[in-house]
Amino acid sequence: MPKYLLKYLKNHSCKQLKISAVTFFVKNMDLAVKFYSNIPGFELVYGNSETSFVTFKIEDQFLNLEYNQNGTCDFGRIIFHVEDVDKTYHHLKQSPFSNRIETMPTDASWGERFFYIRDPDNHQIAIAKPL
């Protein structure tokens, strides 16, 4: 964490910062819901493949999917930490979305084991675990 942020937190008695939710715009809600439903630990808690807004719960965080009629779905990357990167990789390798996997699990120099996969709207997802 950057020093300026640590100083800010210390001076303002903040205990924790975290991302509560991320929202992805999607072109095909049915395909997106099928994709995210296939990842272990993702629980569909709001909406369905026929609604324009869907929420998945991942422990105490949320992933929202919002249908975008304009078809633009630009976004960088989101990183999800899991208990076992290799087990998750092998699960997804056996799924209908195995062709979306970009890399094999790798130990990174920054201290994470991870692999990349793309969702149906081409958002890059990192599945990772601190080493």
N, C-alpha and C. Protein backbone atom coordinates (compact mmCIF):
# COMPACT_ATOMS: atom_id res chain seq x y z
N MET A 1 0.85 -1.17 0.00
CA MET A 1 0.00 0.00 0.00
C MET A 1 0.90 1.24 0.00
N PRO A 2 0.58 2.24 -0.80
CA PRO A 2 1.40 3.45 -0.85
C PRO A 2 1.50 4.13 0.51
N LYS A 3 2.66 4.76 0.77
CA LYS A 3 2.89 5.42 2.06
C LYS A 3 1.87 6.51 2.35
N TYR A 4 1.50 7.30 1.33
CA TYR A 4 0.53 8.37 1.57
C TYR A 4 -0.80 7.82 2.03
N LEU A 5 -1.18 6.64 1.54
CA LEU A 5 -2.45 6.04 1.94
C LEU A 5 -2.35 5.49 3.36
N LEU A 6 -1.22 4.87 3.70
CA LEU A 6 -1.02 4.39 5.06
C LEU A 6 -1.08 5.55 6.06
N LYS A 7 -0.43 6.67 5.71
CA LYS A 7 -0.44 7.86 6.57
C LYS A 7 -1.87 8.38 6.73
N TYR A 8 -2.62 8.41 5.64
CA TYR A 8 -4.01 8.87 5.69
C TYR A 8 -4.84 7.97 6.61
N LEU A 9 -4.69 6.68 6.44
CA LEU A 9 -5.47 5.74 7.26
C LEU A 9 -5.13 5.90 8.74
N LYS A 10 -3.84 6.02 9.01
CA LYS A 10 -3.41 6.16 10.40
C LYS A 10 -3.97 7.45 11.00
N ASN A 11 -3.93 8.54 10.25
CA ASN A 11 -4.39 9.83 10.74
C ASN A 11 -5.91 9.94 10.83
N HIS A 12 -6.63 9.10 10.16
CA HIS A 12 -8.09 9.20 10.14
C HIS A 12 -8.77 8.00 10.79
N SER A 13 -8.02 7.23 11.54
CA SER A 13 -8.55 6.09 12.30
C SER A 13 -9.35 5.12 11.45
N CYS A 14 -9.03 4.99 10.20
CA CYS A 14 -9.68 4.00 9.35
C CYS A 14 -9.02 2.65 9.60
N LYS A 15 -9.80 1.64 9.76
CA LYS A 15 -9.24 0.33 10.02
C LYS A 15 -9.01 -0.46 8.75
N GLN A 16 -9.83 -0.25 7.74
CA GLN A 16 -9.75 -1.12 6.59
C GLN A 16 -10.39 -0.44 5.37
N LEU A 17 -9.79 -0.63 4.23
CA LEU A 17 -10.39 -0.26 2.95
C LEU A 17 -10.60 -1.54 2.18
N LYS A 18 -11.72 -1.66 1.52
CA LYS A 18 -11.94 -2.83 0.68
C LYS A 18 -12.93 -2.49 -0.41
N ILE A 19 -12.90 -3.26 -1.43
CA ILE A 19 -13.87 -3.11 -2.51
C ILE A 19 -15.10 -3.92 -2.12
N SER A 20 -16.23 -3.29 -2.11
CA SER A 20 -17.48 -3.96 -1.79
C SER A 20 -18.05 -4.67 -3.02
N ALA A 21 -17.99 -3.97 -4.16
CA ALA A 21 -18.58 -4.52 -5.38
C ALA A 21 -17.89 -3.95 -6.60
N VAL A 22 -17.93 -4.72 -7.65
CA VAL A 22 -17.48 -4.29 -8.98
C VAL A 22 -18.64 -4.56 -9.92
N THR A 23 -18.88 -3.64 -10.84
CA THR A 23 -19.94 -3.84 -11.82
C THR A 23 -19.33 -3.93 -13.21
N PHE A 24 -19.65 -5.00 -13.91
CA PHE A 24 -19.26 -5.18 -15.31
C PHE A 24 -20.47 -4.93 -16.19
N PHE A 25 -20.29 -4.19 -17.28
CA PHE A 25 -21.31 -4.10 -18.31
C PHE A 25 -21.16 -5.32 -19.20
N VAL A 26 -22.26 -5.96 -19.55
CA VAL A 26 -22.22 -7.17 -20.37
C VAL A 26 -23.10 -7.03 -21.60
N LYS A 27 -22.73 -7.74 -22.65
CA LYS A 27 -23.50 -7.72 -23.90
C LYS A 27 -24.56 -8.81 -23.93
N ASN A 28 -24.28 -9.94 -23.26
CA ASN A 28 -25.18 -11.08 -23.27
C ASN A 28 -25.34 -11.57 -21.84
N MET A 29 -26.44 -11.19 -21.20
CA MET A 29 -26.64 -11.52 -19.79
C MET A 29 -26.72 -13.02 -19.56
N ASP A 30 -27.38 -13.74 -20.44
CA ASP A 30 -27.51 -15.18 -20.28
C ASP A 30 -26.14 -15.85 -20.26
N LEU A 31 -25.29 -15.52 -21.19
CA LEU A 31 -23.96 -16.11 -21.26
C LEU A 31 -23.10 -15.68 -20.06
N ALA A 32 -23.21 -14.42 -19.67
CA ALA A 32 -22.44 -13.92 -18.52
C ALA A 32 -22.86 -14.63 -17.23
N VAL A 33 -24.16 -14.80 -17.02
CA VAL A 33 -24.64 -15.48 -15.81
C VAL A 33 -24.16 -16.93 -15.81
N LYS A 34 -24.21 -17.60 -16.94
CA LYS A 34 -23.71 -18.98 -17.02
C LYS A 34 -22.22 -19.03 -16.68
N PHE A 35 -21.45 -18.09 -17.20
CA PHE A 35 -20.00 -18.05 -16.95
C PHE A 35 -19.71 -17.90 -15.46
N TYR A 36 -20.27 -16.86 -14.85
CA TYR A 36 -19.96 -16.59 -13.44
C TYR A 36 -20.57 -17.62 -12.50
N SER A 37 -21.68 -18.23 -12.88
CA SER A 37 -22.27 -19.30 -12.07
C SER A 37 -21.38 -20.53 -12.05
N ASN A 38 -20.50 -20.64 -13.01
CA ASN A 38 -19.62 -21.79 -13.12
C ASN A 38 -18.38 -21.67 -12.24
N ILE A 39 -18.12 -20.51 -11.67
CA ILE A 39 -16.93 -20.32 -10.83
C ILE A 39 -17.29 -20.67 -9.39
N PRO A 40 -16.55 -21.61 -8.77
CA PRO A 40 -16.85 -21.99 -7.39
C PRO A 40 -16.83 -20.78 -6.45
N GLY A 41 -17.83 -20.71 -5.57
CA GLY A 41 -17.89 -19.63 -4.59
C GLY A 41 -18.71 -18.43 -5.03
N PHE A 42 -19.14 -18.38 -6.28
CA PHE A 42 -19.96 -17.28 -6.77
C PHE A 42 -21.42 -17.67 -6.61
N GLU A 43 -22.13 -16.95 -5.74
CA GLU A 43 -23.52 -17.26 -5.45
C GLU A 43 -24.42 -16.18 -6.06
N LEU A 44 -25.31 -16.59 -6.94
CA LEU A 44 -26.27 -15.66 -7.55
C LEU A 44 -27.28 -15.26 -6.49
N VAL A 45 -27.31 -13.95 -6.14
CA VAL A 45 -28.19 -13.49 -5.06
C VAL A 45 -29.25 -12.50 -5.52
N TYR A 46 -29.13 -12.00 -6.76
CA TYR A 46 -30.13 -11.06 -7.25
C TYR A 46 -30.20 -11.16 -8.76
N GLY A 47 -31.42 -11.20 -9.29
CA GLY A 47 -31.62 -11.24 -10.73
C GLY A 47 -31.41 -12.63 -11.31
N ASN A 48 -31.46 -12.67 -12.63
CA ASN A 48 -31.25 -13.92 -13.35
C ASN A 48 -30.87 -13.59 -14.79
N SER A 49 -30.72 -14.60 -15.60
CA SER A 49 -30.24 -14.39 -16.96
C SER A 49 -31.20 -13.58 -17.83
N GLU A 50 -32.43 -13.35 -17.35
CA GLU A 50 -33.41 -12.59 -18.12
C GLU A 50 -33.59 -11.16 -17.61
N THR A 51 -32.87 -10.79 -16.54
CA THR A 51 -32.98 -9.42 -16.01
C THR A 51 -31.82 -8.57 -16.53
N SER A 52 -31.92 -7.27 -16.38
CA SER A 52 -30.86 -6.38 -16.87
C SER A 52 -29.79 -6.11 -15.82
N PHE A 53 -29.99 -6.62 -14.60
CA PHE A 53 -29.00 -6.43 -13.53
C PHE A 53 -28.95 -7.68 -12.68
N VAL A 54 -27.74 -8.15 -12.40
CA VAL A 54 -27.53 -9.39 -11.65
C VAL A 54 -26.43 -9.14 -10.62
N THR A 55 -26.58 -9.76 -9.46
CA THR A 55 -25.54 -9.67 -8.43
C THR A 55 -25.13 -11.06 -7.99
N PHE A 56 -23.81 -11.27 -7.94
CA PHE A 56 -23.22 -12.48 -7.37
C PHE A 56 -22.54 -12.09 -6.07
N LYS A 57 -22.70 -12.93 -5.05
CA LYS A 57 -22.01 -12.73 -3.78
C LYS A 57 -20.80 -13.65 -3.76
N ILE A 58 -19.67 -13.08 -3.36
CA ILE A 58 -18.43 -13.84 -3.21
C ILE A 58 -17.94 -13.52 -1.81
N GLU A 59 -18.27 -14.38 -0.85
CA GLU A 59 -18.04 -14.13 0.57
C GLU A 59 -18.68 -12.80 0.96
N ASP A 60 -17.89 -11.77 1.31
CA ASP A 60 -18.50 -10.50 1.72
C ASP A 60 -18.36 -9.43 0.65
N GLN A 61 -18.15 -9.84 -0.59
CA GLN A 61 -18.03 -8.91 -1.70
C GLN A 61 -19.04 -9.28 -2.77
N PHE A 62 -19.22 -8.35 -3.73
CA PHE A 62 -20.24 -8.57 -4.74
C PHE A 62 -19.71 -8.25 -6.13
N LEU A 63 -20.18 -9.00 -7.10
CA LEU A 63 -19.95 -8.73 -8.50
C LEU A 63 -21.30 -8.48 -9.13
N ASN A 64 -21.46 -7.30 -9.72
CA ASN A 64 -22.70 -6.96 -10.41
C ASN A 64 -22.48 -7.07 -11.91
N LEU A 65 -23.49 -7.53 -12.61
CA LEU A 65 -23.50 -7.55 -14.07
C LEU A 65 -24.67 -6.68 -14.52
N GLU A 66 -24.37 -5.76 -15.41
CA GLU A 66 -25.41 -4.86 -15.91
C GLU A 66 -25.45 -4.94 -17.42
N TYR A 67 -26.64 -5.22 -17.95
CA TYR A 67 -26.79 -5.32 -19.40
C TYR A 67 -26.56 -3.96 -20.04
N ASN A 68 -25.74 -3.93 -21.07
CA ASN A 68 -25.42 -2.69 -21.76
C ASN A 68 -25.88 -2.80 -23.20
N GLN A 69 -26.94 -2.10 -23.54
CA GLN A 69 -27.50 -2.15 -24.89
C GLN A 69 -26.56 -1.57 -25.93
N ASN A 70 -25.66 -0.68 -25.52
CA ASN A 70 -24.75 -0.03 -26.47
C ASN A 70 -23.64 -0.96 -26.96
N GLY A 71 -23.42 -2.04 -26.23
CA GLY A 71 -22.43 -3.01 -26.67
C GLY A 71 -21.00 -2.70 -26.28
N THR A 72 -20.74 -1.58 -25.61
CA THR A 72 -19.37 -1.28 -25.17
C THR A 72 -19.18 -1.85 -23.77
N CYS A 73 -18.15 -2.63 -23.61
CA CYS A 73 -17.89 -3.29 -22.33
C CYS A 73 -16.42 -3.17 -21.96
N ASP A 74 -15.86 -1.99 -22.05
CA ASP A 74 -14.45 -1.79 -21.74
C ASP A 74 -14.22 -1.79 -20.23
N PHE A 75 -13.16 -2.45 -19.83
CA PHE A 75 -12.76 -2.49 -18.43
C PHE A 75 -11.40 -3.15 -18.37
N GLY A 76 -10.64 -2.89 -17.33
CA GLY A 76 -9.30 -3.45 -17.19
C GLY A 76 -9.30 -4.90 -16.74
N ARG A 77 -9.14 -5.11 -15.45
CA ARG A 77 -9.03 -6.47 -14.91
C ARG A 77 -9.53 -6.44 -13.48
N ILE A 78 -10.08 -7.55 -13.05
CA ILE A 78 -10.44 -7.72 -11.64
C ILE A 78 -9.73 -8.97 -11.14
N ILE A 79 -9.32 -8.93 -9.89
CA ILE A 79 -8.59 -10.06 -9.29
C ILE A 79 -9.45 -10.63 -8.18
N PHE A 80 -9.70 -11.93 -8.26
CA PHE A 80 -10.42 -12.65 -7.22
C PHE A 80 -9.44 -13.57 -6.52
N HIS A 81 -9.36 -13.48 -5.19
CA HIS A 81 -8.54 -14.42 -4.42
C HIS A 81 -9.38 -15.65 -4.09
N VAL A 82 -8.77 -16.80 -4.26
CA VAL A 82 -9.41 -18.08 -3.98
C VAL A 82 -8.53 -18.87 -3.02
N GLU A 83 -9.08 -19.93 -2.44
CA GLU A 83 -8.29 -20.77 -1.55
C GLU A 83 -7.27 -21.60 -2.30
N ASP A 84 -7.63 -22.10 -3.47
CA ASP A 84 -6.74 -22.99 -4.22
C ASP A 84 -6.81 -22.64 -5.70
N VAL A 85 -5.78 -21.96 -6.19
CA VAL A 85 -5.72 -21.52 -7.59
C VAL A 85 -5.76 -22.70 -8.54
N ASP A 86 -4.97 -23.73 -8.24
CA ASP A 86 -4.90 -24.88 -9.15
C ASP A 86 -6.21 -25.65 -9.23
N LYS A 87 -6.88 -25.80 -8.10
CA LYS A 87 -8.17 -26.49 -8.08
C LYS A 87 -9.20 -25.71 -8.90
N THR A 88 -9.19 -24.37 -8.73
CA THR A 88 -10.11 -23.52 -9.50
C THR A 88 -9.79 -23.61 -10.98
N TYR A 89 -8.51 -23.59 -11.32
CA TYR A 89 -8.08 -23.71 -12.71
C TYR A 89 -8.60 -25.02 -13.31
N HIS A 90 -8.40 -26.12 -12.62
CA HIS A 90 -8.83 -27.42 -13.15
C HIS A 90 -10.34 -27.52 -13.26
N HIS A 91 -11.05 -26.89 -12.31
CA HIS A 91 -12.51 -26.86 -12.40
C HIS A 91 -12.95 -26.12 -13.67
N LEU A 92 -12.37 -24.94 -13.91
CA LEU A 92 -12.75 -24.15 -15.08
C LEU A 92 -12.26 -24.81 -16.37
N LYS A 93 -11.17 -25.54 -16.30
CA LYS A 93 -10.65 -26.25 -17.47
C LYS A 93 -11.65 -27.32 -17.94
N GLN A 94 -12.45 -27.84 -17.01
CA GLN A 94 -13.47 -28.84 -17.34
C GLN A 94 -14.82 -28.23 -17.69
N SER A 95 -14.93 -26.91 -17.59
CA SER A 95 -16.20 -26.23 -17.81
C SER A 95 -16.39 -25.89 -19.30
N PRO A 96 -17.59 -25.46 -19.67
CA PRO A 96 -17.82 -25.03 -21.05
C PRO A 96 -17.01 -23.78 -21.43
N PHE A 97 -16.36 -23.16 -20.45
CA PHE A 97 -15.61 -21.92 -20.68
C PHE A 97 -14.10 -22.15 -20.68
N SER A 98 -13.68 -23.36 -20.85
CA SER A 98 -12.24 -23.67 -20.81
C SER A 98 -11.47 -22.91 -21.90
N ASN A 99 -12.13 -22.62 -23.00
CA ASN A 99 -11.45 -21.89 -24.09
C ASN A 99 -11.22 -20.42 -23.74
N ARG A 100 -11.77 -19.95 -22.63
CA ARG A 100 -11.59 -18.56 -22.19
C ARG A 100 -10.35 -18.40 -21.31
N ILE A 101 -9.74 -19.51 -20.88
CA ILE A 101 -8.55 -19.46 -20.03
C ILE A 101 -7.37 -18.99 -20.87
N GLU A 102 -6.66 -17.98 -20.37
CA GLU A 102 -5.53 -17.40 -21.11
C GLU A 102 -4.18 -17.94 -20.69
N THR A 103 -4.02 -18.27 -19.42
CA THR A 103 -2.72 -18.72 -18.92
C THR A 103 -2.91 -19.89 -17.96
N MET A 104 -1.84 -20.61 -17.75
CA MET A 104 -1.83 -21.65 -16.72
C MET A 104 -1.46 -20.99 -15.39
N PRO A 105 -1.77 -21.63 -14.25
CA PRO A 105 -1.36 -21.06 -12.96
C PRO A 105 0.16 -20.86 -12.91
N THR A 106 0.54 -19.69 -12.41
CA THR A 106 1.95 -19.29 -12.37
C THR A 106 2.23 -18.59 -11.05
N ASP A 107 3.43 -18.80 -10.51
CA ASP A 107 3.88 -18.05 -9.33
C ASP A 107 4.52 -16.76 -9.81
N ALA A 108 3.94 -15.64 -9.41
CA ALA A 108 4.42 -14.33 -9.87
C ALA A 108 5.48 -13.77 -8.92
N SER A 109 6.30 -12.90 -9.45
CA SER A 109 7.37 -12.28 -8.67
C SER A 109 6.82 -11.39 -7.56
N TRP A 110 5.57 -10.92 -7.69
CA TRP A 110 4.98 -10.05 -6.67
C TRP A 110 4.30 -10.81 -5.55
N GLY A 111 4.42 -12.16 -5.57
CA GLY A 111 3.95 -12.95 -4.44
C GLY A 111 2.55 -13.51 -4.54
N GLU A 112 2.08 -13.75 -5.74
CA GLU A 112 0.77 -14.38 -5.94
C GLU A 112 0.92 -15.55 -6.91
N ARG A 113 0.10 -16.56 -6.71
CA ARG A 113 -0.08 -17.60 -7.72
C ARG A 113 -1.37 -17.21 -8.43
N PHE A 114 -1.38 -17.22 -9.76
CA PHE A 114 -2.55 -16.71 -10.48
C PHE A 114 -2.65 -17.33 -11.87
N PHE A 115 -3.82 -17.17 -12.46
CA PHE A 115 -4.01 -17.39 -13.90
C PHE A 115 -5.08 -16.41 -14.38
N TYR A 116 -5.09 -16.20 -15.70
CA TYR A 116 -6.06 -15.29 -16.31
C TYR A 116 -7.09 -16.06 -17.11
N ILE A 117 -8.32 -15.54 -17.06
CA ILE A 117 -9.42 -16.06 -17.86
C ILE A 117 -10.23 -14.85 -18.32
N ARG A 118 -10.88 -14.95 -19.46
CA ARG A 118 -11.75 -13.88 -19.97
C ARG A 118 -13.20 -14.31 -19.84
N ASP A 119 -14.04 -13.38 -19.42
CA ASP A 119 -15.47 -13.68 -19.38
C ASP A 119 -16.05 -13.50 -20.79
N PRO A 120 -17.34 -13.80 -20.98
CA PRO A 120 -17.91 -13.72 -22.33
C PRO A 120 -17.85 -12.33 -22.96
N ASP A 121 -17.72 -11.26 -22.14
CA ASP A 121 -17.60 -9.91 -22.69
C ASP A 121 -16.16 -9.46 -22.77
N ASN A 122 -15.25 -10.40 -22.61
CA ASN A 122 -13.81 -10.18 -22.76
C ASN A 122 -13.17 -9.40 -21.62
N HIS A 123 -13.82 -9.31 -20.46
CA HIS A 123 -13.17 -8.74 -19.28
C HIS A 123 -12.12 -9.74 -18.81
N GLN A 124 -10.94 -9.25 -18.47
CA GLN A 124 -9.91 -10.16 -17.97
C GLN A 124 -10.08 -10.34 -16.47
N ILE A 125 -10.11 -11.60 -16.07
CA ILE A 125 -10.27 -11.97 -14.67
C ILE A 125 -8.98 -12.67 -14.25
N ALA A 126 -8.42 -12.25 -13.12
CA ALA A 126 -7.30 -12.97 -12.52
C ALA A 126 -7.82 -13.76 -11.35
N ILE A 127 -7.52 -15.04 -11.34
CA ILE A 127 -7.83 -15.90 -10.21
C ILE A 127 -6.51 -16.08 -9.48
N ALA A 128 -6.44 -15.67 -8.21
CA ALA A 128 -5.15 -15.59 -7.56
C ALA A 128 -5.22 -15.98 -6.08
N LYS A 129 -4.03 -16.19 -5.51
CA LYS A 129 -3.88 -16.43 -4.08
C LYS A 129 -2.49 -15.94 -3.67
N PRO A 130 -2.42 -15.20 -2.57
CA PRO A 130 -1.09 -14.79 -2.10
C PRO A 130 -0.25 -16.02 -1.76
N LEU A 131 1.04 -15.96 -2.07
CA LEU A 131 1.94 -17.07 -1.75
C LEU A 131 2.39 -16.98 -0.30
